[in-house]
N, C-alpha and C. Protein backbone atom coordinates (compact mmCIF):
# COMPACT_ATOMS: atom_id res chain seq x y z
N UNK A 1 -43.00 -71.15 14.93
CA UNK A 1 -42.65 -71.06 13.78
C UNK A 1 -44.00 -71.20 12.94
N UNK A 2 -44.26 -70.37 12.02
CA UNK A 2 -45.50 -70.59 11.12
C UNK A 2 -45.22 -71.62 10.11
N UNK A 3 -46.29 -72.28 9.47
CA UNK A 3 -46.28 -73.38 8.67
C UNK A 3 -47.15 -73.08 7.56
N UNK A 4 -46.28 -73.32 6.13
CA UNK A 4 -46.88 -73.33 4.90
C UNK A 4 -46.89 -74.43 4.26
N UNK A 5 -48.24 -74.84 3.79
CA UNK A 5 -48.47 -76.04 2.92
C UNK A 5 -48.22 -75.68 1.51
N UNK A 6 -47.49 -76.34 0.90
CA UNK A 6 -47.18 -76.29 -0.61
C UNK A 6 -47.78 -77.39 -1.41
N UNK A 7 -49.00 -77.08 -2.22
CA UNK A 7 -49.56 -78.07 -2.95
C UNK A 7 -49.28 -77.79 -4.40
N UNK A 8 -48.67 -79.02 -5.15
CA UNK A 8 -48.82 -78.94 -6.37
C UNK A 8 -50.13 -79.74 -7.02
N UNK A 9 -50.85 -79.04 -7.54
CA UNK A 9 -52.19 -79.48 -8.03
C UNK A 9 -52.12 -80.54 -9.20
N UNK A 10 -51.57 -81.46 -9.32
CA UNK A 10 -51.42 -82.48 -10.25
C UNK A 10 -50.68 -83.82 -9.58
N UNK A 11 -51.60 -84.66 -9.96
CA UNK A 11 -51.06 -86.11 -9.44
C UNK A 11 -49.84 -86.96 -10.21
N UNK A 12 -49.19 -86.01 -11.06
CA UNK A 12 -48.25 -86.79 -11.63
C UNK A 12 -46.90 -86.68 -10.62
N UNK A 13 -46.41 -87.90 -10.87
CA UNK A 13 -45.20 -88.08 -10.08
C UNK A 13 -43.89 -87.18 -10.46
N UNK A 14 -44.12 -86.50 -11.44
CA UNK A 14 -42.93 -85.62 -12.15
C UNK A 14 -43.60 -84.22 -12.22
N UNK A 15 -44.66 -83.92 -11.40
CA UNK A 15 -45.07 -82.72 -11.43
C UNK A 15 -44.43 -81.35 -11.34
N UNK A 16 -44.47 -80.48 -12.29
CA UNK A 16 -43.59 -79.46 -12.32
C UNK A 16 -44.32 -78.18 -11.26
N UNK A 17 -45.53 -78.53 -10.85
CA UNK A 17 -46.45 -77.73 -10.15
C UNK A 17 -45.91 -78.06 -8.63
N UNK A 18 -45.74 -79.25 -8.40
CA UNK A 18 -45.31 -79.46 -6.76
C UNK A 18 -43.90 -79.10 -6.69
N UNK A 19 -43.22 -79.35 -7.66
CA UNK A 19 -41.49 -78.59 -7.67
C UNK A 19 -41.52 -77.20 -7.30
N UNK A 20 -42.36 -76.41 -8.17
CA UNK A 20 -42.60 -75.04 -8.07
C UNK A 20 -43.30 -74.52 -6.66
N UNK A 21 -44.34 -75.16 -6.20
CA UNK A 21 -44.87 -74.88 -5.29
C UNK A 21 -43.77 -74.91 -3.80
N UNK A 22 -43.21 -76.12 -3.82
CA UNK A 22 -42.39 -76.08 -2.95
C UNK A 22 -40.96 -74.95 -2.92
N UNK A 23 -40.55 -74.75 -4.36
CA UNK A 23 -39.43 -73.94 -4.40
C UNK A 23 -39.99 -72.40 -3.89
N UNK A 24 -41.26 -72.14 -4.30
CA UNK A 24 -41.88 -70.79 -3.88
C UNK A 24 -41.81 -70.85 -2.24
N UNK A 25 -42.35 -71.86 -1.77
CA UNK A 25 -42.59 -71.79 -0.21
C UNK A 25 -41.31 -71.78 0.56
N UNK A 26 -40.15 -72.40 -0.04
CA UNK A 26 -39.15 -72.58 0.57
C UNK A 26 -38.50 -70.98 0.51
N UNK A 27 -38.83 -70.30 -0.23
CA UNK A 27 -38.35 -68.85 -0.45
C UNK A 27 -38.75 -68.00 0.67
N UNK A 28 -39.94 -68.35 1.36
CA UNK A 28 -40.78 -67.69 2.31
C UNK A 28 -39.66 -67.63 3.57
N UNK A 29 -39.41 -66.71 4.03
CA UNK A 29 -38.61 -66.37 5.25
C UNK A 29 -39.57 -66.98 6.72
N UNK A 30 -38.40 -67.64 7.35
CA UNK A 30 -39.05 -68.05 8.86
C UNK A 30 -40.15 -68.62 8.84
N UNK A 31 -40.22 -69.75 8.04
CA UNK A 31 -41.46 -70.59 7.88
C UNK A 31 -40.72 -71.96 7.86
N UNK A 32 -41.78 -73.03 8.22
CA UNK A 32 -41.54 -74.40 7.89
C UNK A 32 -42.47 -74.85 6.76
N UNK A 33 -41.93 -75.81 5.86
CA UNK A 33 -42.75 -75.92 4.73
C UNK A 33 -43.25 -77.60 4.91
N UNK A 34 -44.62 -77.57 4.89
CA UNK A 34 -45.32 -79.00 4.74
C UNK A 34 -45.59 -78.92 3.19
N UNK A 35 -45.39 -80.05 2.32
CA UNK A 35 -45.53 -80.67 1.03
C UNK A 35 -46.59 -81.47 1.02
N UNK A 36 -47.67 -81.37 0.45
CA UNK A 36 -48.89 -82.34 0.07
C UNK A 36 -48.38 -83.28 -0.59
N UNK A 37 -48.60 -84.43 -0.57
CA UNK A 37 -48.09 -85.69 -1.20
C UNK A 37 -49.73 -86.20 -1.95
N UNK A 38 -49.56 -86.50 -2.93
CA UNK A 38 -50.52 -86.83 -3.78
C UNK A 38 -50.93 -88.45 -3.46
N UNK A 39 -49.78 -89.03 -2.99
CA UNK A 39 -50.04 -90.43 -2.55
C UNK A 39 -51.07 -90.61 -1.45
N UNK A 40 -51.20 -89.59 -0.55
CA UNK A 40 -52.12 -89.39 0.43
C UNK A 40 -53.39 -88.55 0.23
N UNK A 41 -53.45 -88.46 -0.94
CA UNK A 41 -54.81 -87.93 -1.34
C UNK A 41 -55.71 -88.54 -2.62
N UNK A 42 -55.29 -89.74 -2.57
CA UNK A 42 -56.01 -90.54 -3.81
C UNK A 42 -57.29 -90.89 -3.14
N UNK A 43 -58.28 -90.56 -3.87
CA UNK A 43 -59.79 -90.57 -3.60
C UNK A 43 -60.64 -91.39 -4.70
N UNK A 44 -61.86 -91.88 -4.38
CA UNK A 44 -62.45 -92.37 -5.33
C UNK A 44 -63.15 -91.03 -6.25
N UNK A 45 -63.82 -91.18 -7.53
CA UNK A 45 -64.12 -90.29 -8.30
C UNK A 45 -65.56 -89.91 -7.22
N UNK A 46 -65.71 -88.27 -7.14
CA UNK A 46 -66.81 -88.34 -6.28
C UNK A 46 -68.17 -88.34 -6.85
N UNK A 47 -68.94 -89.07 -5.94
CA UNK A 47 -70.23 -89.52 -6.43
C UNK A 47 -71.17 -89.32 -5.10
N UNK A 48 -72.18 -88.71 -5.30
CA UNK A 48 -73.43 -88.77 -4.07
C UNK A 48 -73.57 -90.08 -3.70
N UNK A 49 -73.51 -91.00 -4.54
CA UNK A 49 -74.02 -92.32 -4.11
C UNK A 49 -72.96 -92.87 -3.21
N UNK A 50 -71.61 -92.70 -3.66
CA UNK A 50 -70.73 -93.18 -2.72
C UNK A 50 -70.54 -92.60 -1.47
N UNK A 51 -70.85 -91.24 -1.47
CA UNK A 51 -70.98 -90.46 -0.09
C UNK A 51 -71.95 -90.99 0.72
N UNK A 52 -73.02 -91.43 0.24
CA UNK A 52 -74.25 -91.83 0.93
C UNK A 52 -73.98 -93.19 1.45
N UNK A 53 -73.32 -94.06 0.91
CA UNK A 53 -73.17 -95.22 1.25
C UNK A 53 -71.70 -95.56 2.09
N UNK A 54 -70.77 -94.78 1.66
CA UNK A 54 -69.75 -94.74 2.55
C UNK A 54 -69.07 -93.80 3.28
N UNK A 55 -69.74 -92.45 3.19
CA UNK A 55 -69.42 -91.25 3.58
C UNK A 55 -68.18 -90.65 3.19
N UNK A 56 -67.60 -89.64 3.77
CA UNK A 56 -66.47 -89.15 3.30
C UNK A 56 -65.15 -90.03 3.59
N UNK A 57 -64.41 -90.18 2.33
CA UNK A 57 -63.25 -90.99 2.32
C UNK A 57 -62.24 -90.21 3.38
N UNK A 58 -61.82 -91.06 3.79
CA UNK A 58 -60.52 -90.64 4.98
C UNK A 58 -59.56 -89.67 4.50
N UNK A 59 -58.99 -89.94 3.31
CA UNK A 59 -58.12 -89.19 2.59
C UNK A 59 -58.53 -87.42 2.56
N UNK A 60 -59.80 -87.25 2.28
CA UNK A 60 -60.45 -86.02 2.01
C UNK A 60 -60.42 -85.58 3.51
N UNK A 61 -60.79 -86.08 4.41
CA UNK A 61 -60.88 -85.81 5.74
C UNK A 61 -59.42 -85.20 6.28
N UNK A 62 -58.44 -86.04 5.99
CA UNK A 62 -57.05 -85.66 6.40
C UNK A 62 -56.63 -84.68 5.64
N UNK A 63 -57.02 -84.13 4.31
CA UNK A 63 -56.49 -83.21 3.64
C UNK A 63 -57.19 -81.74 4.31
N UNK A 64 -58.63 -81.86 4.71
CA UNK A 64 -59.08 -80.71 5.38
C UNK A 64 -58.43 -80.61 6.46
N UNK A 65 -57.81 -81.55 7.57
CA UNK A 65 -57.20 -81.45 8.70
C UNK A 65 -55.87 -80.66 8.51
N UNK A 66 -55.20 -81.17 7.16
CA UNK A 66 -53.82 -80.53 6.83
C UNK A 66 -53.81 -79.07 6.40
N UNK A 67 -55.19 -79.03 5.88
CA UNK A 67 -55.19 -77.30 5.54
C UNK A 67 -55.52 -76.55 6.75
N UNK A 68 -56.18 -77.01 7.67
CA UNK A 68 -56.68 -76.23 8.84
C UNK A 68 -55.36 -76.39 9.97
N UNK A 69 -54.29 -77.10 9.48
CA UNK A 69 -53.13 -77.17 10.51
C UNK A 69 -51.88 -76.23 9.97
N UNK A 70 -52.10 -75.31 9.09
CA UNK A 70 -51.19 -74.55 8.42
C UNK A 70 -51.72 -73.27 8.77
N UNK A 71 -50.71 -72.25 8.52
CA UNK A 71 -50.67 -70.76 8.54
C UNK A 71 -50.87 -70.29 7.11
N UNK A 72 -50.60 -70.89 6.21
CA UNK A 72 -50.65 -70.42 4.74
C UNK A 72 -50.41 -71.41 3.98
N UNK A 73 -50.99 -71.19 2.48
CA UNK A 73 -50.84 -71.96 1.53
C UNK A 73 -50.46 -71.47 -0.04
N UNK A 74 -49.50 -72.22 -0.08
CA UNK A 74 -48.73 -71.85 -1.57
C UNK A 74 -49.43 -73.11 -2.50
N UNK A 75 -50.22 -72.69 -3.53
CA UNK A 75 -50.89 -73.46 -4.48
C UNK A 75 -50.60 -73.39 -5.77
N UNK A 76 -49.68 -74.28 -6.67
CA UNK A 76 -49.50 -74.22 -7.74
C UNK A 76 -50.41 -75.06 -8.75
N UNK A 77 -51.22 -74.54 -9.73
CA UNK A 77 -52.16 -75.44 -10.51
C UNK A 77 -51.56 -75.76 -11.72
N UNK A 78 -52.09 -77.02 -12.18
CA UNK A 78 -51.61 -77.63 -13.30
C UNK A 78 -52.87 -77.33 -14.36
N UNK A 79 -52.75 -77.09 -15.34
CA UNK A 79 -53.78 -76.81 -16.47
C UNK A 79 -53.78 -77.89 -17.53
N UNK A 80 -55.03 -78.73 -17.34
CA UNK A 80 -55.37 -79.61 -18.55
C UNK A 80 -56.28 -78.95 -19.55
N UNK A 81 -56.19 -78.85 -20.50
CA UNK A 81 -57.11 -78.33 -21.48
C UNK A 81 -58.08 -77.13 -20.94
N UNK A 82 -57.12 -76.28 -20.24
CA UNK A 82 -57.73 -74.95 -19.83
C UNK A 82 -58.57 -74.94 -18.21
N UNK A 83 -58.37 -76.45 -17.75
CA UNK A 83 -59.10 -76.55 -16.49
C UNK A 83 -58.15 -77.06 -15.37
N UNK A 84 -58.60 -77.42 -14.33
CA UNK A 84 -57.67 -77.79 -13.03
C UNK A 84 -57.94 -79.33 -13.30
N UNK A 85 -56.86 -79.82 -12.77
CA UNK A 85 -56.37 -81.43 -13.09
C UNK A 85 -57.65 -82.13 -12.56
N UNK A 86 -58.19 -83.33 -13.13
CA UNK A 86 -59.08 -84.00 -12.46
C UNK A 86 -58.89 -84.35 -11.02
N UNK A 87 -57.76 -84.76 -10.65
CA UNK A 87 -57.31 -85.28 -9.42
C UNK A 87 -57.85 -84.11 -8.54
N UNK A 88 -57.20 -82.73 -8.77
CA UNK A 88 -57.34 -81.60 -8.09
C UNK A 88 -58.98 -81.15 -7.87
N UNK A 89 -59.48 -81.38 -8.80
CA UNK A 89 -60.92 -80.89 -8.86
C UNK A 89 -61.63 -82.03 -7.98
N UNK A 90 -61.35 -83.30 -8.23
CA UNK A 90 -61.97 -84.27 -7.15
C UNK A 90 -61.70 -84.01 -5.61
N UNK A 91 -60.44 -83.71 -5.55
CA UNK A 91 -60.20 -83.53 -4.03
C UNK A 91 -61.06 -82.29 -3.65
N UNK A 92 -60.94 -81.27 -4.41
CA UNK A 92 -61.89 -80.13 -3.98
C UNK A 92 -63.35 -80.44 -3.70
N UNK A 93 -63.92 -81.30 -4.59
CA UNK A 93 -65.10 -81.83 -4.43
C UNK A 93 -65.69 -82.59 -3.04
N UNK A 94 -64.68 -83.35 -2.86
CA UNK A 94 -64.82 -84.19 -1.64
C UNK A 94 -64.52 -83.32 -0.33
N UNK A 95 -63.56 -82.63 -0.33
CA UNK A 95 -63.35 -81.68 0.83
C UNK A 95 -64.64 -80.66 0.89
N UNK A 96 -65.00 -80.37 -0.15
CA UNK A 96 -66.19 -79.28 -0.09
C UNK A 96 -67.28 -79.53 0.66
N UNK A 97 -67.50 -81.20 0.76
CA UNK A 97 -68.66 -82.00 1.28
C UNK A 97 -68.58 -82.01 2.68
N UNK A 98 -67.17 -81.66 3.09
CA UNK A 98 -66.82 -81.71 4.71
C UNK A 98 -67.29 -80.36 5.09
N UNK A 99 -66.61 -79.31 4.21
CA UNK A 99 -66.74 -77.78 4.71
C UNK A 99 -66.83 -77.25 3.45
N UNK A 100 -67.70 -76.45 3.04
CA UNK A 100 -67.90 -75.34 1.90
C UNK A 100 -66.55 -74.44 2.01
N UNK A 101 -66.21 -74.01 3.12
CA UNK A 101 -65.01 -72.95 3.42
C UNK A 101 -63.77 -73.81 3.76
N UNK A 102 -63.56 -74.71 3.40
CA UNK A 102 -62.54 -75.60 3.60
C UNK A 102 -61.10 -75.02 3.58
N UNK A 103 -60.93 -73.86 2.74
CA UNK A 103 -59.56 -73.29 2.68
C UNK A 103 -59.46 -72.31 3.84
N UNK A 104 -60.51 -72.22 4.69
CA UNK A 104 -60.34 -71.62 6.15
C UNK A 104 -59.83 -70.19 6.09
N UNK A 105 -60.02 -69.46 4.99
CA UNK A 105 -59.16 -67.95 4.83
C UNK A 105 -57.83 -67.86 5.09
N UNK A 106 -57.18 -69.16 5.04
CA UNK A 106 -55.54 -69.14 5.04
C UNK A 106 -54.96 -68.10 3.92
N UNK A 107 -54.14 -67.40 4.40
CA UNK A 107 -53.36 -66.63 3.02
C UNK A 107 -53.12 -67.61 2.11
N UNK A 108 -53.24 -67.01 1.05
CA UNK A 108 -52.73 -68.25 -0.24
C UNK A 108 -52.14 -67.46 -1.20
N UNK A 109 -51.08 -68.13 -1.76
CA UNK A 109 -50.26 -67.55 -2.90
C UNK A 109 -50.51 -68.67 -3.76
N UNK A 110 -51.46 -68.18 -4.99
CA UNK A 110 -52.03 -69.03 -6.00
C UNK A 110 -51.24 -69.02 -7.33
N UNK A 111 -50.70 -69.97 -7.84
CA UNK A 111 -49.94 -69.98 -9.14
C UNK A 111 -50.53 -71.07 -10.03
N UNK A 112 -49.89 -70.76 -11.20
CA UNK A 112 -50.09 -71.88 -12.11
C UNK A 112 -48.80 -71.85 -13.01
N UNK A 113 -48.39 -73.05 -13.22
CA UNK A 113 -47.04 -73.45 -14.02
C UNK A 113 -47.39 -74.15 -15.22
N UNK A 114 -46.71 -73.83 -16.09
CA UNK A 114 -47.03 -74.66 -17.65
C UNK A 114 -45.75 -74.49 -18.26
N UNK A 115 -45.65 -75.93 -19.36
CA UNK A 115 -44.36 -75.88 -20.28
C UNK A 115 -44.57 -74.83 -21.33
N UNK A 116 -45.98 -74.73 -21.74
CA UNK A 116 -46.46 -73.51 -22.69
C UNK A 116 -46.14 -72.17 -22.29
N UNK A 117 -46.56 -71.51 -23.17
CA UNK A 117 -46.52 -69.95 -23.18
C UNK A 117 -47.39 -69.24 -22.48
N UNK A 118 -48.58 -69.69 -22.39
CA UNK A 118 -49.76 -69.11 -21.54
C UNK A 118 -49.58 -69.26 -20.00
N UNK A 119 -48.61 -70.27 -19.39
CA UNK A 119 -48.50 -70.31 -18.07
C UNK A 119 -49.74 -70.45 -17.30
N UNK A 120 -50.46 -71.48 -17.88
CA UNK A 120 -51.61 -71.79 -16.96
C UNK A 120 -52.63 -70.74 -16.66
N UNK A 121 -52.93 -69.81 -17.89
CA UNK A 121 -53.78 -68.57 -17.62
C UNK A 121 -55.14 -68.85 -17.18
N UNK A 122 -55.78 -69.75 -18.15
CA UNK A 122 -57.23 -70.19 -17.72
C UNK A 122 -57.34 -70.70 -16.48
N UNK A 123 -56.50 -71.57 -16.00
CA UNK A 123 -56.71 -72.29 -15.09
C UNK A 123 -56.58 -71.35 -13.74
N UNK A 124 -55.44 -70.49 -13.72
CA UNK A 124 -55.54 -69.58 -12.48
C UNK A 124 -56.63 -68.36 -12.51
N UNK A 125 -57.14 -68.03 -13.60
CA UNK A 125 -58.13 -67.22 -13.58
C UNK A 125 -59.48 -68.08 -13.16
N UNK A 126 -59.65 -69.23 -13.74
CA UNK A 126 -60.93 -69.80 -13.15
C UNK A 126 -60.95 -70.04 -11.61
N UNK A 127 -59.61 -70.68 -11.02
CA UNK A 127 -59.56 -70.96 -9.59
C UNK A 127 -59.77 -69.82 -8.90
N UNK A 128 -58.99 -68.62 -9.10
CA UNK A 128 -59.07 -67.42 -8.34
C UNK A 128 -60.30 -66.95 -8.32
N UNK A 129 -61.15 -67.09 -9.29
CA UNK A 129 -62.30 -66.57 -9.22
C UNK A 129 -63.48 -67.35 -8.34
N UNK A 130 -63.04 -68.71 -8.43
CA UNK A 130 -63.97 -69.58 -7.26
C UNK A 130 -63.42 -69.63 -5.73
N UNK A 131 -62.22 -69.18 -5.49
CA UNK A 131 -61.81 -69.28 -4.17
C UNK A 131 -62.39 -68.49 -3.40
N UNK A 132 -62.81 -67.32 -3.44
CA UNK A 132 -63.64 -66.62 -2.21
C UNK A 132 -65.02 -67.43 -2.11
N UNK A 133 -65.63 -68.38 -2.64
CA UNK A 133 -66.80 -69.09 -2.34
C UNK A 133 -66.33 -70.04 -1.40
N UNK A 134 -65.22 -70.64 -1.36
CA UNK A 134 -64.71 -71.55 -0.36
C UNK A 134 -63.74 -71.06 0.37
N UNK A 135 -63.93 -69.81 0.69
CA UNK A 135 -62.83 -69.37 2.05
C UNK A 135 -61.32 -69.17 1.38
N UNK A 136 -61.32 -69.48 0.19
CA UNK A 136 -59.82 -69.00 -0.36
C UNK A 136 -59.40 -67.56 -0.34
N UNK A 137 -58.38 -67.16 0.45
CA UNK A 137 -57.90 -65.80 0.72
C UNK A 137 -56.85 -65.90 -0.22
N UNK A 138 -56.96 -65.34 -1.53
CA UNK A 138 -55.81 -65.39 -2.10
C UNK A 138 -55.06 -63.90 -2.18
N UNK A 139 -53.86 -63.92 -1.80
CA UNK A 139 -53.08 -62.75 -1.54
C UNK A 139 -52.50 -62.26 -2.67
N UNK A 140 -52.02 -63.13 -3.43
CA UNK A 140 -51.38 -62.74 -4.73
C UNK A 140 -51.31 -63.95 -5.68
N UNK A 141 -51.04 -63.73 -6.81
CA UNK A 141 -50.72 -64.89 -7.99
C UNK A 141 -49.91 -64.66 -8.60
N UNK A 142 -49.49 -65.57 -9.40
CA UNK A 142 -48.50 -65.80 -10.27
C UNK A 142 -48.39 -66.95 -11.28
N UNK A 143 -48.03 -66.58 -12.41
CA UNK A 143 -48.07 -67.47 -13.51
C UNK A 143 -46.48 -67.78 -14.14
N UNK A 144 -46.37 -68.64 -14.32
CA UNK A 144 -44.98 -69.35 -14.96
C UNK A 144 -45.04 -69.92 -16.18
N UNK A 145 -44.90 -69.06 -17.31
CA UNK A 145 -45.02 -69.83 -18.64
C UNK A 145 -43.45 -70.61 -18.98
N UNK A 146 -43.63 -71.65 -20.00
CA UNK A 146 -42.07 -72.06 -20.39
C UNK A 146 -41.25 -72.44 -19.33
N UNK A 147 -41.92 -73.42 -18.42
CA UNK A 147 -41.33 -73.85 -17.21
C UNK A 147 -39.79 -74.39 -17.44
N UNK A 148 -39.66 -75.30 -18.52
CA UNK A 148 -38.51 -75.91 -18.61
C UNK A 148 -37.35 -74.84 -19.08
N UNK A 149 -37.70 -73.85 -19.66
CA UNK A 149 -36.85 -72.67 -20.23
C UNK A 149 -36.72 -71.89 -19.09
N UNK A 150 -37.43 -71.47 -18.10
CA UNK A 150 -37.40 -70.53 -17.19
C UNK A 150 -37.03 -71.03 -15.78
N UNK A 151 -36.95 -72.27 -15.40
CA UNK A 151 -36.76 -73.20 -14.30
C UNK A 151 -35.67 -74.07 -14.51
N UNK A 152 -34.41 -73.89 -14.09
CA UNK A 152 -33.51 -74.52 -14.30
C UNK A 152 -32.40 -74.91 -13.12
N UNK A 153 -32.08 -76.26 -12.80
CA UNK A 153 -31.25 -76.38 -11.94
C UNK A 153 -31.66 -75.81 -10.23
N UNK A 154 -32.96 -75.93 -10.11
CA UNK A 154 -33.66 -75.62 -8.86
C UNK A 154 -33.84 -73.97 -8.74
N UNK A 155 -33.79 -73.38 -10.01
CA UNK A 155 -33.79 -71.92 -9.86
C UNK A 155 -34.61 -71.27 -10.73
N UNK A 156 -35.25 -70.17 -10.43
CA UNK A 156 -36.28 -69.44 -11.59
C UNK A 156 -35.01 -68.45 -12.44
N UNK A 157 -34.43 -68.78 -13.79
CA UNK A 157 -33.47 -68.22 -14.14
C UNK A 157 -33.87 -66.93 -14.94
N UNK A 158 -35.00 -66.69 -15.18
CA UNK A 158 -35.76 -65.71 -15.89
C UNK A 158 -35.56 -64.44 -14.89
N UNK A 159 -34.79 -63.30 -15.29
CA UNK A 159 -34.59 -62.36 -14.42
C UNK A 159 -36.08 -61.62 -14.30
N UNK A 160 -36.46 -61.41 -15.16
CA UNK A 160 -37.76 -60.46 -14.99
C UNK A 160 -38.63 -61.42 -14.17
N UNK A 161 -39.01 -62.75 -14.36
CA UNK A 161 -39.83 -63.29 -13.63
C UNK A 161 -39.42 -63.47 -12.45
N UNK A 162 -38.13 -63.84 -12.14
CA UNK A 162 -37.68 -63.72 -10.72
C UNK A 162 -37.75 -62.70 -10.12
N UNK A 163 -37.84 -61.45 -10.48
CA UNK A 163 -37.97 -60.05 -9.81
C UNK A 163 -39.40 -59.94 -9.45
N UNK A 164 -40.47 -60.54 -10.27
CA UNK A 164 -41.67 -60.12 -10.04
C UNK A 164 -42.28 -61.16 -8.89
N UNK A 165 -41.58 -62.39 -8.95
CA UNK A 165 -41.85 -63.51 -8.30
C UNK A 165 -41.61 -62.99 -6.62
N UNK A 166 -40.14 -62.52 -6.78
CA UNK A 166 -39.58 -62.12 -5.34
C UNK A 166 -40.48 -60.92 -4.47
N UNK A 167 -41.09 -60.02 -5.78
CA UNK A 167 -41.89 -59.03 -4.97
C UNK A 167 -43.37 -59.76 -4.41
N UNK A 168 -43.50 -60.64 -5.10
CA UNK A 168 -44.99 -61.30 -4.58
C UNK A 168 -44.73 -62.08 -3.47
N UNK A 169 -43.75 -62.95 -3.31
CA UNK A 169 -43.18 -63.51 -2.19
C UNK A 169 -43.16 -62.41 -1.15
N UNK A 170 -42.77 -61.49 -1.05
CA UNK A 170 -42.38 -60.50 0.02
C UNK A 170 -43.78 -59.93 0.38
N UNK A 171 -44.76 -59.70 -0.80
CA UNK A 171 -46.08 -59.16 -0.37
C UNK A 171 -46.80 -60.50 0.29
N UNK A 172 -46.67 -61.74 -0.14
CA UNK A 172 -47.36 -62.89 0.62
C UNK A 172 -47.05 -63.01 2.04
N UNK A 173 -45.34 -62.71 2.25
CA UNK A 173 -44.98 -63.13 3.56
C UNK A 173 -45.42 -62.08 4.59
N UNK A 174 -46.11 -61.04 3.99
CA UNK A 174 -46.34 -59.85 5.13
C UNK A 174 -47.75 -60.49 5.62
N UNK A 175 -48.51 -61.34 4.91
CA UNK A 175 -49.75 -61.60 5.35
C UNK A 175 -49.69 -62.95 6.38
N UNK A 176 -48.68 -63.48 6.37
CA UNK A 176 -48.87 -64.86 7.30
C UNK A 176 -48.38 -64.29 8.77
């Protein structure tokens, strides 16, 4: 059975991105879902000095191993001031020191989720543009605005957004 890694790119214990990434990954047929846990991804702030003195932290190495162990990735981005979270950017920085192509060309469903009306549009665009430089193979993307209004009781309740998401999940599934 194929494995899909669900990542909510926020270290918040109440991350709506982790909730939504897991929800989407579980809607993919005939796969097992592995969810990244930020408790396992805590890292010191990237510094060339720390790298020179201590090397690459074990959690960054473990993340790289996790990415390589799956067949596909569902990544939901949080947007803080129009950019990725510091925690996610830091994980990216450390992991790229191991291997600049650390996303390994795995098929990726890239998303952004926000409680606001723009649905993380900036972070989605920025990250999507960067992915090819790090072997990120973005098959499709999706933006979910107004999370708390559109996602209730474990389901995407907005019919138009749900139809769009279903279509994109089907497209993504074909790439796995």
